Amino acid sequence: MPGIGFYDGFLGPGTGSFFALAGVALRGEPLLKATALAKVLNFGSNLGALTLFLLAGKVVWAYGAVMIVGQVLGAIAGSHAMIRGGARLIRPLIVAICLVMLARYLWQKGYFAAPGR
């Protein structure tokens, strides 16, 4: 978990997937329970980050407001999808999201650049 916390603090995207994976692989939790707990852990890490930014006086409220709206809408949509589709839906979504994040990372590092660039 400290490794995930370090990743969350420096990079962030996909941390919930790592939390869910750790719950399933390391604690033997069912996927839906691990996914639900990942939301709580993500909230905790975000609350910790917000506290540090508040103490440092570095909160950009306009950006934060947009992010809050996106987070709430995503949480509502994700909760409904999890309740309706269960593990049958969540499992392939987690795999797909991880693959997309990996592809994006490789793209940013130039692995998909045209030859001679």
PDB file of N, CA and C in Angstrom:
ATOM      1  N   MET A   1       0.801  -1.201   0.000  1.00  0.00           N
ATOM      2  CA  MET A   1       0.000   0.000   0.000  1.00  0.00           C
ATOM      3  C   MET A   1       0.852   1.278   0.000  1.00  0.00           C
ATOM      4  N   PRO A   2       2.002   1.304   0.684  1.00  0.00           N
ATOM      5  CA  PRO A   2       2.816   2.526   0.600  1.00  0.00           C
ATOM      6  C   PRO A   2       3.232   2.852  -0.829  1.00  0.00           C
ATOM      7  N   GLY A   3       3.500   1.815  -1.627  1.00  0.00           N
ATOM      8  CA  GLY A   3       3.857   2.039  -3.030  1.00  0.00           C
ATOM      9  C   GLY A   3       2.715   2.673  -3.805  1.00  0.00           C
ATOM     10  N   ILE A   4       1.496   2.228  -3.532  1.00  0.00           N
ATOM     11  CA  ILE A   4       0.328   2.810  -4.196  1.00  0.00           C
ATOM     12  C   ILE A   4       0.146   4.257  -3.747  1.00  0.00           C
ATOM     13  N   GLY A   5       0.345   4.509  -2.451  1.00  0.00           N
ATOM     14  CA  GLY A   5       0.245   5.883  -1.942  1.00  0.00           C
ATOM     15  C   GLY A   5       1.266   6.804  -2.587  1.00  0.00           C
ATOM     16  N   PHE A   6       2.486   6.296  -2.765  1.00  0.00           N
ATOM     17  CA  PHE A   6       3.528   7.079  -3.430  1.00  0.00           C
ATOM     18  C   PHE A   6       3.120   7.392  -4.862  1.00  0.00           C
ATOM     19  N   TYR A   7       2.632   6.363  -5.581  1.00  0.00           N
ATOM     20  CA  TYR A   7       2.176   6.561  -6.958  1.00  0.00           C
ATOM     21  C   TYR A   7       1.051   7.583  -7.004  1.00  0.00           C
ATOM     22  N   ASP A   8       0.086   7.454  -6.086  1.00  0.00           N
ATOM     23  CA  ASP A   8      -1.061   8.366  -6.055  1.00  0.00           C
ATOM     24  C   ASP A   8      -0.607   9.798  -5.833  1.00  0.00           C
ATOM     25  N   GLY A   9       0.360   9.980  -4.958  1.00  0.00           N
ATOM     26  CA  GLY A   9       0.840  11.330  -4.673  1.00  0.00           C
ATOM     27  C   GLY A   9       1.570  11.977  -5.824  1.00  0.00           C
ATOM     28  N   PHE A  10       2.306  11.186  -6.604  1.00  0.00           N
ATOM     29  CA  PHE A  10       3.092  11.759  -7.689  1.00  0.00           C
ATOM     30  C   PHE A  10       2.393  11.732  -9.034  1.00  0.00           C
ATOM     31  N   LEU A  11       1.603  10.696  -9.319  1.00  0.00           N
ATOM     32  CA  LEU A  11       0.982  10.575 -10.631  1.00  0.00           C
ATOM     33  C   LEU A  11      -0.537  10.589 -10.536  1.00  0.00           C
ATOM     34  N   GLY A  12      -1.110   9.646  -9.810  1.00  0.00           N
ATOM     35  CA  GLY A  12      -2.545   9.668  -9.549  1.00  0.00           C
ATOM     36  C   GLY A  12      -3.446   8.814 -10.406  1.00  0.00           C
ATOM     37  N   PRO A  13      -3.435   8.931 -11.739  1.00  0.00           N
ATOM     38  CA  PRO A  13      -4.432   8.215 -12.526  1.00  0.00           C
ATOM     39  C   PRO A  13      -4.390   6.704 -12.318  1.00  0.00           C
ATOM     40  N   GLY A  14      -5.549   6.125 -12.113  1.00  0.00           N
ATOM     41  CA  GLY A  14      -5.652   4.677 -11.986  1.00  0.00           C
ATOM     42  C   GLY A  14      -5.375   4.127 -10.603  1.00  0.00           C
ATOM     43  N   THR A  15      -5.202   5.005  -9.625  1.00  0.00           N
ATOM     44  CA  THR A  15      -4.890   4.537  -8.281  1.00  0.00           C
ATOM     45  C   THR A  15      -5.984   3.619  -7.744  1.00  0.00           C
ATOM     46  N   GLY A  16      -7.229   3.929  -8.027  1.00  0.00           N
ATOM     47  CA  GLY A  16      -8.331   3.083  -7.574  1.00  0.00           C
ATOM     48  C   GLY A  16      -8.231   1.675  -8.129  1.00  0.00           C
ATOM     49  N   SER A  17      -7.756   1.549  -9.360  1.00  0.00           N
ATOM     50  CA  SER A  17      -7.561   0.218  -9.952  1.00  0.00           C
ATOM     51  C   SER A  17      -6.475  -0.541  -9.202  1.00  0.00           C
ATOM     52  N   PHE A  18      -5.421   0.166  -8.805  1.00  0.00           N
ATOM     53  CA  PHE A  18      -4.364  -0.481  -8.035  1.00  0.00           C
ATOM     54  C   PHE A  18      -4.879  -0.900  -6.655  1.00  0.00           C
ATOM     55  N   PHE A  19      -5.684  -0.050  -6.028  1.00  0.00           N
ATOM     56  CA  PHE A  19      -6.273  -0.403  -4.736  1.00  0.00           C
ATOM     57  C   PHE A  19      -7.146  -1.656  -4.876  1.00  0.00           C
ATOM     58  N   ALA A  20      -7.966  -1.699  -5.919  1.00  0.00           N
ATOM     59  CA  ALA A  20      -8.843  -2.852  -6.132  1.00  0.00           C
ATOM     60  C   ALA A  20      -8.016  -4.105  -6.405  1.00  0.00           C
ATOM     61  N   LEU A  21      -6.995  -3.988  -7.225  1.00  0.00           N
ATOM     62  CA  LEU A  21      -6.129  -5.125  -7.528  1.00  0.00           C
ATOM     63  C   LEU A  21      -5.460  -5.639  -6.257  1.00  0.00           C
ATOM     64  N   ALA A  22      -4.983  -4.723  -5.420  1.00  0.00           N
ATOM     65  CA  ALA A  22      -4.351  -5.127  -4.160  1.00  0.00           C
ATOM     66  C   ALA A  22      -5.351  -5.847  -3.260  1.00  0.00           C
ATOM     67  N   GLY A  23      -6.590  -5.378  -3.233  1.00  0.00           N
ATOM     68  CA  GLY A  23      -7.613  -6.037  -2.422  1.00  0.00           C
ATOM     69  C   GLY A  23      -7.888  -7.459  -2.879  1.00  0.00           C
ATOM     70  N   VAL A  24      -7.943  -7.646  -4.182  1.00  0.00           N
ATOM     71  CA  VAL A  24      -8.218  -8.979  -4.726  1.00  0.00           C
ATOM     72  C   VAL A  24      -6.986  -9.871  -4.597  1.00  0.00           C
ATOM     73  N   ALA A  25      -5.835  -9.387  -5.042  1.00  0.00           N
ATOM     74  CA  ALA A  25      -4.633 -10.219  -5.102  1.00  0.00           C
ATOM     75  C   ALA A  25      -3.988 -10.450  -3.735  1.00  0.00           C
ATOM     76  N   LEU A  26      -3.966  -9.421  -2.898  1.00  0.00           N
ATOM     77  CA  LEU A  26      -3.240  -9.536  -1.630  1.00  0.00           C
ATOM     78  C   LEU A  26      -4.130  -9.889  -0.445  1.00  0.00           C
ATOM     79  N   ARG A  27      -5.399  -9.483  -0.514  1.00  0.00           N
ATOM     80  CA  ARG A  27      -6.275  -9.743   0.635  1.00  0.00           C
ATOM     81  C   ARG A  27      -7.346 -10.780   0.337  1.00  0.00           C
ATOM     82  N   GLY A  28      -7.453 -11.200  -0.925  1.00  0.00           N
ATOM     83  CA  GLY A  28      -8.411 -12.225  -1.293  1.00  0.00           C
ATOM     84  C   GLY A  28      -9.860 -11.764  -1.239  1.00  0.00           C
ATOM     85  N   GLU A  29     -10.095 -10.471  -1.383  1.00  0.00           N
ATOM     86  CA  GLU A  29     -11.457  -9.943  -1.351  1.00  0.00           C
ATOM     87  C   GLU A  29     -12.156 -10.202  -2.682  1.00  0.00           C
ATOM     88  N   PRO A  30     -13.478 -10.353  -2.664  1.00  0.00           N
ATOM     89  CA  PRO A  30     -14.223 -10.409  -3.928  1.00  0.00           C
ATOM     90  C   PRO A  30     -14.053  -9.086  -4.673  1.00  0.00           C
ATOM     91  N   LEU A  31     -14.130  -9.134  -5.991  1.00  0.00           N
ATOM     92  CA  LEU A  31     -13.868  -7.949  -6.811  1.00  0.00           C
ATOM     93  C   LEU A  31     -14.765  -6.778  -6.449  1.00  0.00           C
ATOM     94  N   LEU A  32     -16.062  -7.018  -6.253  1.00  0.00           N
ATOM     95  CA  LEU A  32     -16.963  -5.900  -5.961  1.00  0.00           C
ATOM     96  C   LEU A  32     -16.629  -5.255  -4.624  1.00  0.00           C
ATOM     97  N   LYS A  33     -16.320  -6.065  -3.623  1.00  0.00           N
ATOM     98  CA  LYS A  33     -15.948  -5.508  -2.319  1.00  0.00           C
ATOM     99  C   LYS A  33     -14.645  -4.723  -2.427  1.00  0.00           C
ATOM    100  N   ALA A  34     -13.663  -5.282  -3.146  1.00  0.00           N
ATOM    101  CA  ALA A  34     -12.385  -4.599  -3.316  1.00  0.00           C
ATOM    102  C   ALA A  34     -12.560  -3.286  -4.067  1.00  0.00           C
ATOM    103  N   THR A  35     -13.442  -3.272  -5.065  1.00  0.00           N
ATOM    104  CA  THR A  35     -13.700  -2.050  -5.827  1.00  0.00           C
ATOM    105  C   THR A  35     -14.370  -0.996  -4.951  1.00  0.00           C
ATOM    106  N   ALA A  36     -15.329  -1.422  -4.131  1.00  0.00           N
ATOM    107  CA  ALA A  36     -16.003  -0.479  -3.226  1.00  0.00           C
ATOM    108  C   ALA A  36     -15.014   0.079  -2.202  1.00  0.00           C
ATOM    109  N   LEU A  37     -14.169  -0.774  -1.632  1.00  0.00           N
ATOM    110  CA  LEU A  37     -13.177  -0.316  -0.664  1.00  0.00           C
ATOM    111  C   LEU A  37     -12.170   0.615  -1.329  1.00  0.00           C
ATOM    112  N   ALA A  38     -11.861   0.368  -2.592  1.00  0.00           N
ATOM    113  CA  ALA A  38     -10.931   1.239  -3.318  1.00  0.00           C
ATOM    114  C   ALA A  38     -11.461   2.667  -3.371  1.00  0.00           C
ATOM    115  N   LYS A  39     -12.784   2.817  -3.477  1.00  0.00           N
ATOM    116  CA  LYS A  39     -13.372   4.165  -3.497  1.00  0.00           C
ATOM    117  C   LYS A  39     -13.115   4.879  -2.176  1.00  0.00           C
ATOM    118  N   VAL A  40     -13.257   4.145  -1.070  1.00  0.00           N
ATOM    119  CA  VAL A  40     -13.021   4.732   0.255  1.00  0.00           C
ATOM    120  C   VAL A  40     -11.544   5.112   0.406  1.00  0.00           C
ATOM    121  N   LEU A  41     -10.650   4.224  -0.023  1.00  0.00           N
ATOM    122  CA  LEU A  41      -9.218   4.516   0.056  1.00  0.00           C
ATOM    123  C   LEU A  41      -8.837   5.700  -0.819  1.00  0.00           C
ATOM    124  N   ASN A  42      -9.406   5.770  -2.009  1.00  0.00           N
ATOM    125  CA  ASN A  42      -9.151   6.904  -2.901  1.00  0.00           C
ATOM    126  C   ASN A  42      -9.619   8.206  -2.268  1.00  0.00           C
ATOM    127  N   PHE A  43     -10.804   8.172  -1.654  1.00  0.00           N
ATOM    128  CA  PHE A  43     -11.315   9.363  -0.981  1.00  0.00           C
ATOM    129  C   PHE A  43     -10.356   9.799   0.119  1.00  0.00           C
ATOM    130  N   GLY A  44      -9.855   8.828   0.886  1.00  0.00           N
ATOM    131  CA  GLY A  44      -8.913   9.153   1.953  1.00  0.00           C
ATOM    132  C   GLY A  44      -7.635   9.788   1.441  1.00  0.00           C
ATOM    133  N   SER A  45      -7.084   9.250   0.361  1.00  0.00           N
ATOM    134  CA  SER A  45      -5.858   9.826  -0.185  1.00  0.00           C
ATOM    135  C   SER A  45      -6.112  11.212  -0.765  1.00  0.00           C
ATOM    136  N   ASN A  46      -7.282  11.396  -1.374  1.00  0.00           N
ATOM    137  CA  ASN A  46      -7.621  12.722  -1.914  1.00  0.00           C
ATOM    138  C   ASN A  46      -7.835  13.733  -0.786  1.00  0.00           C
ATOM    139  N   LEU A  47      -8.446  13.300   0.306  1.00  0.00           N
ATOM    140  CA  LEU A  47      -8.656  14.180   1.453  1.00  0.00           C
ATOM    141  C   LEU A  47      -7.312  14.592   2.063  1.00  0.00           C
ATOM    142  N   GLY A  48      -6.387  13.623   2.141  1.00  0.00           N
ATOM    143  CA  GLY A  48      -5.048  13.936   2.635  1.00  0.00           C
ATOM    144  C   GLY A  48      -4.339  14.947   1.753  1.00  0.00           C
ATOM    145  N   ALA A  49      -4.443  14.757   0.439  1.00  0.00           N
ATOM    146  CA  ALA A  49      -3.810  15.687  -0.504  1.00  0.00           C
ATOM    147  C   ALA A  49      -4.436  17.074  -0.389  1.00  0.00           C
ATOM    148  N   LEU A  50      -5.775  17.122  -0.290  1.00  0.00           N
ATOM    149  CA  LEU A  50      -6.450  18.410  -0.152  1.00  0.00           C
ATOM    150  C   LEU A  50      -5.990  19.134   1.109  1.00  0.00           C
ATOM    151  N   THR A  51      -5.843  18.394   2.200  1.00  0.00           N
ATOM    152  CA  THR A  51      -5.384  18.993   3.450  1.00  0.00           C
ATOM    153  C   THR A  51      -4.011  19.634   3.272  1.00  0.00           C
ATOM    154  N   LEU A  52      -3.100  18.913   2.617  1.00  0.00           N
ATOM    155  CA  LEU A  52      -1.760  19.468   2.401  1.00  0.00           C
ATOM    156  C   LEU A  52      -1.793  20.706   1.510  1.00  0.00           C
ATOM    157  N   PHE A  53      -2.607  20.658   0.451  1.00  0.00           N
ATOM    158  CA  PHE A  53      -2.706  21.824  -0.431  1.00  0.00           C
ATOM    159  C   PHE A  53      -3.339  23.012   0.292  1.00  0.00           C
ATOM    160  N   LEU A  54      -4.327  22.750   1.146  1.00  0.00           N
ATOM    161  CA  LEU A  54      -4.936  23.834   1.925  1.00  0.00           C
ATOM    162  C   LEU A  54      -3.918  24.462   2.867  1.00  0.00           C
ATOM    163  N   LEU A  55      -3.154  23.631   3.563  1.00  0.00           N
ATOM    164  CA  LEU A  55      -2.136  24.142   4.492  1.00  0.00           C
ATOM    165  C   LEU A  55      -1.079  24.970   3.774  1.00  0.00           C
ATOM    166  N   ALA A  56      -0.778  24.590   2.533  1.00  0.00           N
ATOM    167  CA  ALA A  56       0.224  25.316   1.750  1.00  0.00           C
ATOM    168  C   ALA A  56      -0.373  26.518   1.013  1.00  0.00           C
ATOM    169  N   GLY A  57      -1.712  26.661   1.056  1.00  0.00           N
ATOM    170  CA  GLY A  57      -2.361  27.769   0.353  1.00  0.00           C
ATOM    171  C   GLY A  57      -2.279  27.639  -1.154  1.00  0.00           C
ATOM    172  N   LYS A  58      -2.275  26.422  -1.663  1.00  0.00           N
ATOM    173  CA  LYS A  58      -2.083  26.183  -3.097  1.00  0.00           C
ATOM    174  C   LYS A  58      -3.321  25.596  -3.780  1.00  0.00           C
ATOM    175  N   VAL A  59      -4.506  25.830  -3.252  1.00  0.00           N
ATOM    176  CA  VAL A  59      -5.723  25.288  -3.857  1.00  0.00           C
ATOM    177  C   VAL A  59      -6.216  26.254  -4.936  1.00  0.00           C
ATOM    178  N   VAL A  60      -6.438  25.752  -6.130  1.00  0.00           N
ATOM    179  CA  VAL A  60      -7.020  26.536  -7.216  1.00  0.00           C
ATOM    180  C   VAL A  60      -8.494  26.129  -7.263  1.00  0.00           C
ATOM    181  N   TRP A  61      -9.344  26.948  -6.641  1.00  0.00           N
ATOM    182  CA  TRP A  61     -10.735  26.573  -6.400  1.00  0.00           C
ATOM    183  C   TRP A  61     -11.527  26.353  -7.683  1.00  0.00           C
ATOM    184  N   ALA A  62     -11.261  27.114  -8.738  1.00  0.00           N
ATOM    185  CA  ALA A  62     -12.017  26.942  -9.988  1.00  0.00           C
ATOM    186  C   ALA A  62     -11.763  25.556 -10.583  1.00  0.00           C
ATOM    187  N   TYR A  63     -10.497  25.137 -10.628  1.00  0.00           N
ATOM    188  CA  TYR A  63     -10.175  23.803 -11.128  1.00  0.00           C
ATOM    189  C   TYR A  63     -10.764  22.738 -10.213  1.00  0.00           C
ATOM    190  N   GLY A  64     -10.654  22.966  -8.924  1.00  0.00           N
ATOM    191  CA  GLY A  64     -11.178  22.010  -7.952  1.00  0.00           C
ATOM    192  C   GLY A  64     -12.672  21.799  -8.104  1.00  0.00           C
ATOM    193  N   ALA A  65     -13.406  22.880  -8.353  1.00  0.00           N
ATOM    194  CA  ALA A  65     -14.864  22.769  -8.505  1.00  0.00           C
ATOM    195  C   ALA A  65     -15.215  21.906  -9.720  1.00  0.00           C
ATOM    196  N   VAL A  66     -14.507  22.105 -10.819  1.00  0.00           N
ATOM    197  CA  VAL A  66     -14.748  21.291 -12.022  1.00  0.00           C
ATOM    198  C   VAL A  66     -14.420  19.827 -11.739  1.00  0.00           C
ATOM    199  N   MET A  67     -13.331  19.590 -11.026  1.00  0.00           N
ATOM    200  CA  MET A  67     -12.941  18.223 -10.703  1.00  0.00           C
ATOM    201  C   MET A  67     -13.955  17.561  -9.769  1.00  0.00           C
ATOM    202  N   ILE A  68     -14.497  18.309  -8.831  1.00  0.00           N
ATOM    203  CA  ILE A  68     -15.504  17.758  -7.919  1.00  0.00           C
ATOM    204  C   ILE A  68     -16.746  17.329  -8.693  1.00  0.00           C
ATOM    205  N   VAL A  69     -17.207  18.173  -9.609  1.00  0.00           N
ATOM    206  CA  VAL A  69     -18.383  17.826 -10.413  1.00  0.00           C
ATOM    207  C   VAL A  69     -18.111  16.549 -11.217  1.00  0.00           C
ATOM    208  N   GLY A  70     -16.950  16.470 -11.850  1.00  0.00           N
ATOM    209  CA  GLY A  70     -16.603  15.272 -12.614  1.00  0.00           C
ATOM    210  C   GLY A  70     -16.517  14.036 -11.723  1.00  0.00           C
ATOM    211  N   GLN A  71     -15.944  14.184 -10.543  1.00  0.00           N
ATOM    212  CA  GLN A  71     -15.824  13.062  -9.609  1.00  0.00           C
ATOM    213  C   GLN A  71     -17.191  12.570  -9.156  1.00  0.00           C
ATOM    214  N   VAL A  72     -18.081  13.499  -8.826  1.00  0.00           N
ATOM    215  CA  VAL A  72     -19.425  13.108  -8.365  1.00  0.00           C
ATOM    216  C   VAL A  72     -20.186  12.401  -9.486  1.00  0.00           C
ATOM    217  N   LEU A  73     -20.145  12.961 -10.686  1.00  0.00           N
ATOM    218  CA  LEU A  73     -20.837  12.326 -11.813  1.00  0.00           C
ATOM    219  C   LEU A  73     -20.249  10.951 -12.120  1.00  0.00           C
ATOM    220  N   GLY A  74     -18.930  10.842 -12.091  1.00  0.00           N
ATOM    221  CA  GLY A  74     -18.290   9.555 -12.328  1.00  0.00           C
ATOM    222  C   GLY A  74     -18.607   8.538 -11.242  1.00  0.00           C
ATOM    223  N   ALA A  75     -18.654   8.989  -9.992  1.00  0.00           N
ATOM    224  CA  ALA A  75     -18.980   8.085  -8.887  1.00  0.00           C
ATOM    225  C   ALA A  75     -20.412   7.568  -8.999  1.00  0.00           C
ATOM    226  N   ILE A  76     -21.314   8.440  -9.375  1.00  0.00           N
ATOM    227  CA  ILE A  76     -22.715   8.020  -9.538  1.00  0.00           C
ATOM    228  C   ILE A  76     -22.833   7.005 -10.673  1.00  0.00           C
ATOM    229  N   ALA A  77     -22.226   7.317 -11.805  1.00  0.00           N
ATOM    230  CA  ALA A  77     -22.287   6.403 -12.957  1.00  0.00           C
ATOM    231  C   ALA A  77     -21.608   5.074 -12.627  1.00  0.00           C
ATOM    232  N   GLY A  78     -20.446   5.130 -11.971  1.00  0.00           N
ATOM    233  CA  GLY A  78     -19.730   3.907 -11.619  1.00  0.00           C
ATOM    234  C   GLY A  78     -20.479   3.050 -10.618  1.00  0.00           C
ATOM    235  N   SER A  79     -21.108   3.680  -9.647  1.00  0.00           N
ATOM    236  CA  SER A  79     -21.881   2.933  -8.653  1.00  0.00           C
ATOM    237  C   SER A  79     -23.058   2.218  -9.303  1.00  0.00           C
ATOM    238  N   HIS A  80     -23.756   2.914 -10.175  1.00  0.00           N
ATOM    239  CA  HIS A  80     -24.879   2.288 -10.879  1.00  0.00           C
ATOM    240  C   HIS A  80     -24.403   1.132 -11.757  1.00  0.00           C
ATOM    241  N   ALA A  81     -23.276   1.322 -12.435  1.00  0.00           N
ATOM    242  CA  ALA A  81     -22.739   0.260 -13.289  1.00  0.00           C
ATOM    243  C   ALA A  81     -22.337  -0.950 -12.449  1.00  0.00           C
ATOM    244  N   MET A  82     -21.736  -0.704 -11.289  1.00  0.00           N
ATOM    245  CA  MET A  82     -21.309  -1.805 -10.433  1.00  0.00           C
ATOM    246  C   MET A  82     -22.510  -2.576  -9.883  1.00  0.00           C
ATOM    247  N   ILE A  83     -23.541  -1.853  -9.491  1.00  0.00           N
ATOM    248  CA  ILE A  83     -24.736  -2.505  -8.944  1.00  0.00           C
ATOM    249  C   ILE A  83     -25.449  -3.309 -10.032  1.00  0.00           C
ATOM    250  N   ARG A  84     -25.572  -2.733 -11.213  1.00  0.00           N
ATOM    251  CA  ARG A  84     -26.300  -3.402 -12.302  1.00  0.00           C
ATOM    252  C   ARG A  84     -25.496  -4.518 -12.947  1.00  0.00           C
ATOM    253  N   GLY A  85     -24.208  -4.291 -13.186  1.00  0.00           N
ATOM    254  CA  GLY A  85     -23.416  -5.252 -13.947  1.00  0.00           C
ATOM    255  C   GLY A  85     -22.590  -6.206 -13.111  1.00  0.00           C
ATOM    256  N   GLY A  86     -22.294  -5.827 -11.861  1.00  0.00           N
ATOM    257  CA  GLY A  86     -21.511  -6.683 -10.986  1.00  0.00           C
ATOM    258  C   GLY A  86     -20.122  -6.952 -11.527  1.00  0.00           C
ATOM    259  N   ALA A  87     -19.527  -8.024 -11.032  1.00  0.00           N
ATOM    260  CA  ALA A  87     -18.163  -8.384 -11.419  1.00  0.00           C
ATOM    261  C   ALA A  87     -18.065  -8.684 -12.910  1.00  0.00           C
ATOM    262  N   ARG A  88     -19.158  -9.163 -13.508  1.00  0.00           N
ATOM    263  CA  ARG A  88     -19.169  -9.474 -14.940  1.00  0.00           C
ATOM    264  C   ARG A  88     -18.846  -8.235 -15.768  1.00  0.00           C
ATOM    265  N   LEU A  89     -19.249  -7.059 -15.299  1.00  0.00           N
ATOM    266  CA  LEU A  89     -18.965  -5.804 -15.994  1.00  0.00           C
ATOM    267  C   LEU A  89     -17.658  -5.177 -15.510  1.00  0.00           C
ATOM    268  N   ILE A  90     -17.443  -5.195 -14.202  1.00  0.00           N
ATOM    269  CA  ILE A  90     -16.299  -4.490 -13.614  1.00  0.00           C
ATOM    270  C   ILE A  90     -14.965  -5.106 -14.034  1.00  0.00           C
ATOM    271  N   ARG A  91     -14.867  -6.430 -14.039  1.00  0.00           N
ATOM    272  CA  ARG A  91     -13.602  -7.106 -14.355  1.00  0.00           C
ATOM    273  C   ARG A  91     -13.057  -6.682 -15.725  1.00  0.00           C
ATOM    274  N   PRO A  92     -13.848  -6.769 -16.806  1.00  0.00           N
ATOM    275  CA  PRO A  92     -13.288  -6.345 -18.098  1.00  0.00           C
ATOM    276  C   PRO A  92     -13.027  -4.841 -18.161  1.00  0.00           C
ATOM    277  N   LEU A  93     -13.801  -4.044 -17.434  1.00  0.00           N
ATOM    278  CA  LEU A  93     -13.543  -2.602 -17.417  1.00  0.00           C
ATOM    279  C   LEU A  93     -12.200  -2.287 -16.779  1.00  0.00           C
ATOM    280  N   ILE A  94     -11.883  -2.957 -15.683  1.00  0.00           N
ATOM    281  CA  ILE A  94     -10.591  -2.720 -15.028  1.00  0.00           C
ATOM    282  C   ILE A  94      -9.451  -3.089 -15.969  1.00  0.00           C
ATOM    283  N   VAL A  95      -9.567  -4.218 -16.645  1.00  0.00           N
ATOM    284  CA  VAL A  95      -8.524  -4.644 -17.585  1.00  0.00           C
ATOM    285  C   VAL A  95      -8.401  -3.631 -18.722  1.00  0.00           C
ATOM    286  N   ALA A  96      -9.533  -3.201 -19.279  1.00  0.00           N
ATOM    287  CA  ALA A  96      -9.514  -2.242 -20.388  1.00  0.00           C
ATOM    288  C   ALA A  96      -8.892  -0.914 -19.964  1.00  0.00           C
ATOM    289  N   ILE A  97      -9.251  -0.434 -18.797  1.00  0.00           N
ATOM    290  CA  ILE A  97      -8.710   0.841 -18.313  1.00  0.00           C
ATOM    291  C   ILE A  97      -7.208   0.735 -18.100  1.00  0.00           C
ATOM    292  N   CYS A  98      -6.753  -0.366 -17.529  1.00  0.00           N
ATOM    293  CA  CYS A  98      -5.309  -0.557 -17.334  1.00  0.00           C
ATOM    294  C   CYS A  98      -4.568  -0.592 -18.669  1.00  0.00           C
ATOM    295  N   LEU A  99      -5.139  -1.250 -19.666  1.00  0.00           N
ATOM    296  CA  LEU A  99      -4.507  -1.303 -20.980  1.00  0.00           C
ATOM    297  C   LEU A  99      -4.460   0.070 -21.646  1.00  0.00           C
ATOM    298  N   VAL A 100      -5.530   0.833 -21.510  1.00  0.00           N
ATOM    299  CA  VAL A 100      -5.554   2.185 -22.078  1.00  0.00           C
ATOM    300  C   VAL A 100      -4.513   3.065 -21.385  1.00  0.00           C
ATOM    301  N   MET A 101      -4.419   2.953 -20.064  1.00  0.00           N
ATOM    302  CA  MET A 101      -3.425   3.746 -19.336  1.00  0.00           C
ATOM    303  C   MET A 101      -2.005   3.350 -19.754  1.00  0.00           C
ATOM    304  N   LEU A 102      -1.758   2.054 -19.951  1.00  0.00           N
ATOM    305  CA  LEU A 102      -0.448   1.597 -20.393  1.00  0.00           C
ATOM    306  C   LEU A 102      -0.134   2.136 -21.787  1.00  0.00           C
ATOM    307  N   ALA A 103      -1.109   2.070 -22.685  1.00  0.00           N
ATOM    308  CA  ALA A 103      -0.909   2.586 -24.041  1.00  0.00           C
ATOM    309  C   ALA A 103      -0.623   4.084 -24.019  1.00  0.00           C
ATOM    310  N   ARG A 104      -1.353   4.815 -23.194  1.00  0.00           N
ATOM    311  CA  ARG A 104      -1.122   6.267 -23.081  1.00  0.00           C
ATOM    312  C   ARG A 104       0.281   6.554 -22.562  1.00  0.00           C
ATOM    313  N   TYR A 105       0.701   5.807 -21.557  1.00  0.00           N
ATOM    314  CA  TYR A 105       2.044   5.984 -21.008  1.00  0.00           C
ATOM    315  C   TYR A 105       3.096   5.716 -22.080  1.00  0.00           C
ATOM    316  N   LEU A 106       2.946   4.611 -22.810  1.00  0.00           N
ATOM    317  CA  LEU A 106       3.906   4.280 -23.857  1.00  0.00           C
ATOM    318  C   LEU A 106       3.917   5.328 -24.964  1.00  0.00           C
ATOM    319  N   TRP A 107       2.739   5.853 -25.288  1.00  0.00           N
ATOM    320  CA  TRP A 107       2.638   6.914 -26.298  1.00  0.00           C
ATOM    321  C   TRP A 107       3.407   8.153 -25.830  1.00  0.00           C
ATOM    322  N   GLN A 108       3.193   8.540 -24.565  1.00  0.00           N
ATOM    323  CA  GLN A 108       3.871   9.717 -24.034  1.00  0.00           C
ATOM    324  C   GLN A 108       5.389   9.542 -23.997  1.00  0.00           C
ATOM    325  N   LYS A 109       5.832   8.314 -23.792  1.00  0.00           N
ATOM    326  CA  LYS A 109       7.273   8.046 -23.744  1.00  0.00           C
ATOM    327  C   LYS A 109       7.878   7.892 -25.137  1.00  0.00           C
ATOM    328  N   GLY A 110       7.048   7.955 -26.173  1.00  0.00           N
ATOM    329  CA  GLY A 110       7.548   7.931 -27.537  1.00  0.00           C
ATOM    330  C   GLY A 110       7.696   6.552 -28.152  1.00  0.00           C
ATOM    331  N   TYR A 111       7.158   5.531 -27.536  1.00  0.00           N
ATOM    332  CA  TYR A 111       7.282   4.180 -28.088  1.00  0.00           C
ATOM    333  C   TYR A 111       6.446   3.970 -29.335  1.00  0.00           C
ATOM    334  N   PHE A 112       5.445   4.830 -29.561  1.00  0.00           N
ATOM    335  CA  PHE A 112       4.601   4.693 -30.742  1.00  0.00           C
ATOM    336  C   PHE A 112       4.900   5.783 -31.776  1.00  0.00           C
ATOM    337  N   ALA A 113       5.986   6.491 -31.597  1.00  0.00           N
ATOM    338  CA  ALA A 113       6.343   7.568 -32.523  1.00  0.00           C
ATOM    339  C   ALA A 113       6.779   6.987 -33.868  1.00  0.00           C
ATOM    340  N   ALA A 114       6.582   7.776 -34.907  1.00  0.00           N
ATOM    341  CA  ALA A 114       6.994   7.356 -36.246  1.00  0.00           C
ATOM    342  C   ALA A 114       8.522   7.265 -36.304  1.00  0.00           C
ATOM    343  N   PRO A 115       9.061   6.320 -37.065  1.00  0.00           N
ATOM    344  CA  PRO A 115      10.524   6.184 -37.182  1.00  0.00           C
ATOM    345  C   PRO A 115      11.146   7.484 -37.696  1.00  0.00           C
ATOM    346  N   GLY A 116      12.309   7.802 -37.174  1.00  0.00           N
ATOM    347  CA  GLY A 116      13.019   9.008 -37.614  1.00  0.00           C
ATOM    348  C   GLY A 116      12.636  10.249 -36.842  1.00  0.00           C
ATOM    349  N   ARG A 117      11.758  10.139 -35.884  1.00  0.00           N
ATOM    350  CA  ARG A 117      11.368  11.317 -35.089  1.00  0.00           C
ATOM    351  C   ARG A 117      12.257  11.496 -33.926  1.00  0.00           C
TER     352      ARG A 117
END
